[in-house]
Protein backbone atom coordinates (compact mmCIF):
# COMPACT_ATOMS: atom_id res chain seq x y z
CA MET A 1 23.79 -121.94 75.59
CA ASP A 2 24.24 -122.17 71.85
CA THR A 3 27.94 -121.77 72.35
CA PHE A 4 27.96 -124.56 74.97
CA ARG A 5 26.01 -126.82 72.64
CA SER A 6 28.44 -126.01 69.86
CA ASP A 7 31.44 -126.96 72.00
CA GLU A 8 29.66 -130.04 73.23
CA GLU A 9 28.86 -131.04 69.68
CA GLN A 10 32.48 -130.54 68.70
CA VAL A 11 33.66 -132.72 71.56
CA GLU A 12 31.11 -135.36 70.67
CA ALA A 13 32.14 -135.19 67.03
CA LEU A 14 35.79 -135.57 68.06
CA LYS A 15 34.90 -138.60 70.18
CA ASN A 16 33.02 -140.15 67.31
CA TRP A 17 35.85 -139.45 64.92
CA TRP A 18 38.37 -140.93 67.34
CA GLN A 19 36.26 -144.07 67.75
CA GLU A 20 36.08 -144.44 64.01
CA ASN A 21 39.60 -143.39 63.07
CA GLY A 22 41.71 -143.32 66.19
CA VAL A 23 43.05 -146.85 65.91
CA SER A 24 43.99 -146.55 62.26
CA THR A 25 45.61 -143.17 62.92
CA MET A 26 47.73 -144.59 65.72
CA LEU A 27 48.65 -147.50 63.52
CA SER A 28 49.70 -145.11 60.76
CA ILE A 29 51.79 -143.10 63.20
CA GLY A 30 53.29 -146.31 64.56
CA VAL A 31 54.14 -147.51 61.06
CA ALA A 32 55.71 -144.15 60.21
CA ILE A 33 57.83 -144.23 63.36
CA ALA A 34 58.85 -147.82 62.64
CA ILE A 35 59.85 -146.86 59.12
CA ILE A 36 61.97 -143.93 60.36
CA PHE A 37 63.75 -145.96 63.02
CA GLY A 38 64.00 -148.96 60.67
CA TRP A 39 65.63 -146.77 58.03
CA ARG A 40 68.10 -145.40 60.54
CA ALA A 41 68.91 -148.90 61.77
CA TRP A 42 69.35 -150.08 58.17
CA GLN A 43 71.70 -147.18 57.47
CA GLY A 44 73.65 -148.03 60.60
CA ASN A 45 73.89 -151.67 59.58
CA GLN A 46 75.00 -150.72 56.08
CA GLN A 47 77.72 -148.46 57.46
CA ALA A 48 78.88 -151.20 59.82
CA TYR A 49 78.91 -153.63 56.89
CA VAL A 50 81.12 -151.33 54.83
CA ASP A 51 83.37 -150.52 57.80
CA ASN A 52 83.86 -154.21 58.55
CA ALA A 53 84.62 -154.90 54.90
CA SER A 54 87.17 -152.10 54.87
CA PHE A 55 88.83 -153.41 58.05
CA SER A 56 88.99 -156.95 56.67
CA TYR A 57 90.50 -155.70 53.44
CA GLN A 58 93.09 -153.67 55.34
CA GLN A 59 94.08 -156.84 57.19
CA LEU A 60 94.36 -158.62 53.84
CA LEU A 61 96.67 -155.90 52.50
CA GLU A 62 98.89 -156.21 55.56
CA ALA A 63 99.01 -159.98 55.15
CA VAL A 64 99.86 -159.61 51.45
CA ALA A 65 102.69 -157.20 52.33
CA GLN A 66 104.10 -159.80 54.72
CA LEU A 67 103.73 -162.44 52.03
CA GLU A 68 105.77 -160.34 49.62
CA THR A 69 108.70 -160.25 52.04
CA ASN A 70 108.37 -163.67 53.65
CA GLY A 71 106.37 -165.96 51.41
CA ASN A 72 105.73 -169.55 52.41
CA ASP A 73 102.98 -172.06 51.90
CA ILE A 74 101.33 -171.31 55.25
CA GLN A 75 101.32 -167.56 54.61
CA ILE A 76 99.93 -168.09 51.11
CA ALA A 77 97.15 -170.30 52.47
CA THR A 78 96.34 -167.75 55.17
CA VAL A 79 96.07 -164.88 52.71
CA ASP A 80 94.02 -167.01 50.33
CA HIS A 81 91.60 -167.82 53.15
CA MET A 82 91.30 -164.15 54.10
CA ALA A 83 90.56 -163.19 50.50
CA GLU A 84 87.95 -165.92 50.16
CA THR A 85 86.30 -164.79 53.41
CA ILE A 86 86.00 -161.23 52.09
CA LYS A 87 84.45 -162.56 48.89
CA ALA A 88 81.92 -164.59 50.87
CA ASP A 89 81.05 -162.05 53.57
CA TYR A 90 81.27 -158.79 51.64
CA SER A 91 80.38 -159.72 48.08
CA LYS A 92 78.29 -156.56 47.72
CA THR A 93 81.32 -154.31 48.12
CA GLY A 94 84.23 -153.48 45.87
CA TYR A 95 86.55 -155.01 48.45
CA SER A 96 85.42 -158.46 47.36
CA HIS A 97 86.51 -157.67 43.80
CA PHE A 98 89.99 -156.67 44.96
CA ALA A 99 90.17 -159.86 47.02
CA ALA A 100 89.31 -161.89 43.91
CA PHE A 101 91.99 -159.97 42.00
CA PHE A 102 94.54 -161.10 44.54
CA LYS A 103 93.41 -164.71 44.26
CA ALA A 104 93.63 -164.48 40.45
CA ARG A 105 97.15 -163.05 40.65
CA GLN A 106 98.24 -165.76 43.04
CA ALA A 107 96.72 -168.41 40.78
CA VAL A 108 98.75 -167.05 37.84
CA GLU A 109 101.91 -167.17 39.93
CA ASP A 110 101.06 -170.77 40.81
CA ASN A 111 100.51 -171.46 37.08
CA ASP A 112 96.89 -172.35 37.77
CA LEU A 113 95.31 -170.43 34.90
CA PRO A 114 91.85 -172.07 35.15
CA ALA A 115 91.65 -170.89 38.79
CA ALA A 116 92.69 -167.37 37.73
CA GLU A 117 90.01 -167.41 35.04
CA GLU A 118 87.41 -168.50 37.61
CA GLU A 119 88.26 -165.62 39.94
CA LEU A 120 88.12 -163.03 37.17
CA ARG A 121 84.81 -164.34 35.89
CA TRP A 122 83.51 -164.17 39.47
CA ILE A 123 84.25 -160.45 39.50
CA LEU A 124 82.41 -159.91 36.22
CA ALA A 125 79.41 -161.83 37.58
CA ASN A 126 79.23 -159.70 40.73
CA LYS A 127 78.42 -156.25 39.39
CA PRO A 128 81.79 -154.47 39.27
CA THR A 129 82.04 -150.78 38.45
CA ALA A 130 82.53 -149.86 34.80
CA GLU A 131 86.24 -149.26 35.36
CA MET A 132 86.64 -152.47 37.34
CA GLN A 133 84.90 -154.39 34.57
CA LEU A 134 87.32 -153.09 31.94
CA ILE A 135 90.37 -153.93 34.04
CA THR A 136 88.99 -157.39 34.75
CA GLU A 137 88.25 -158.05 31.09
CA LEU A 138 91.79 -157.06 30.17
CA ARG A 139 93.25 -159.45 32.72
CA LEU A 140 90.86 -162.20 31.75
CA ALA A 141 91.80 -161.78 28.07
CA LYS A 142 95.47 -162.22 29.03
CA VAL A 143 94.65 -165.37 31.00
CA LEU A 144 92.61 -166.77 28.12
CA PHE A 145 95.42 -165.92 25.68
CA ALA A 146 97.87 -167.79 27.90
CA GLN A 147 95.54 -170.80 27.71
CA GLN A 148 95.50 -170.59 23.91
CA GLN A 149 91.86 -169.50 23.93
CA THR A 150 92.50 -166.80 21.35
CA ASP A 151 88.95 -166.47 20.02
CA ALA A 152 87.51 -166.06 23.51
CA ALA A 153 90.16 -163.48 24.35
CA LEU A 154 89.50 -161.51 21.16
CA ALA A 155 85.77 -161.55 21.90
CA LEU A 156 86.48 -159.74 25.17
CA LEU A 157 88.75 -157.20 23.51
CA ASN A 158 86.44 -156.41 20.58
CA ARG A 159 84.21 -154.02 22.52
CA SER A 160 83.45 -150.46 21.48
CA GLU A 161 83.57 -148.62 24.83
CA THR A 162 86.93 -149.01 26.54
CA GLY A 163 87.48 -145.48 27.89
CA VAL A 164 90.99 -144.63 29.03
CA PHE A 165 91.95 -148.27 28.62
CA ALA A 166 91.49 -148.16 24.84
CA HIS A 167 95.23 -148.30 24.15
CA ALA A 168 95.65 -151.34 26.41
CA PHE A 169 92.77 -153.17 24.72
CA LEU A 170 94.17 -152.37 21.27
CA GLU A 171 97.72 -153.41 22.13
CA LEU A 172 96.62 -156.72 23.62
CA LYS A 173 94.34 -157.32 20.63
CA ALA A 174 97.31 -156.71 18.32
CA ASP A 175 99.43 -159.16 20.34
CA LEU A 176 96.78 -161.82 19.80
CA LEU A 177 96.52 -161.04 16.09
CA VAL A 178 100.28 -161.42 15.70
CA ASN A 179 99.95 -164.82 17.32
CA THR A 180 97.35 -165.80 14.71
CA GLY A 181 99.42 -164.47 11.81
CA ASP A 182 97.13 -161.51 11.07
CA TYR A 183 99.96 -159.00 10.78
CA GLN A 184 97.90 -156.36 8.96
CA GLY A 185 95.26 -156.43 11.68
CA ALA A 186 97.97 -156.32 14.31
CA PHE A 187 99.72 -153.37 12.66
CA ASP A 188 96.45 -151.45 12.45
CA ALA A 189 95.67 -152.15 16.10
CA TYR A 190 99.16 -151.15 17.26
CA THR A 191 98.91 -147.94 15.23
CA GLN A 192 95.53 -147.09 16.76
CA ALA A 193 96.94 -147.83 20.22
CA LYS A 194 99.60 -145.19 19.55
CA VAL A 195 96.87 -142.68 18.66
CA GLU A 196 95.03 -143.41 21.90
CA ILE A 197 98.22 -143.04 23.94
CA GLU A 198 98.96 -139.71 22.28
CA ALA A 199 95.43 -138.52 23.02
CA LEU A 200 96.05 -139.21 26.71
CA GLY A 201 99.24 -137.14 26.61
CA MET A 202 101.38 -140.17 27.43
CA ALA A 203 104.76 -141.11 26.00
CA GLU A 204 104.75 -144.05 23.63
CA PRO A 205 106.31 -147.13 25.28
CA GLN A 206 109.40 -148.49 23.55
CA THR A 207 107.85 -151.95 23.54
CA LEU A 208 104.92 -150.69 21.48
CA THR A 209 107.31 -149.16 18.96
CA VAL A 210 109.14 -152.49 18.62
CA LYS A 211 105.89 -154.46 18.30
CA THR A 212 104.59 -152.12 15.59
CA ALA A 213 107.81 -152.42 13.60
CA TYR A 214 107.71 -156.20 13.94
CA ALA A 215 104.14 -156.44 12.62
CA LYS A 216 104.99 -154.05 9.78
CA SER A 217 107.96 -156.17 8.73
CA PHE A 218 105.55 -158.88 7.57
CA LEU A 219 103.51 -156.57 5.32
């Protein structure tokens, strides 16, 4: 009898607990399930987003290849539209940065340097990777230099961390300094560029040798 009462009490206790906590427990389980399935759906959407971006970029590359062999105004406009669409629809991916690179290159070919500058600044404003940022800053410095914005270009080049692009930053900086008449600064920058190239195990370009000799001739 005591055993029966004990079981009965346990059942009654379980009923009471369920009345008090059953709803909240089910809600917690429901929330947990929703989170799991929501996370899986989000992952699926993210993968689809990246896959679609990759497909769109592949189409852009194919269109660019056709443009290289058979360029005309209609083809240029088509490729430009495709690149702009990638920037708008997939701005959270690296594909959008490459699309902006193409637009910047095309703008330079069209001698529209302000448009090229705008595209490159767009990349910098949209969280590029560290390597992408360095490449973009180099190209932007060249565009600014071409627009006679020497101070702005030098400001981009005067950064401490340039990684494997150190020699390119130094050489471009020296080019700008030659343009301003600072031949000592240019010579020093060219010389340091040589050191960076040697550290990478690369052969010194003949153009760098000529530039260094030219800057030295004014000292």
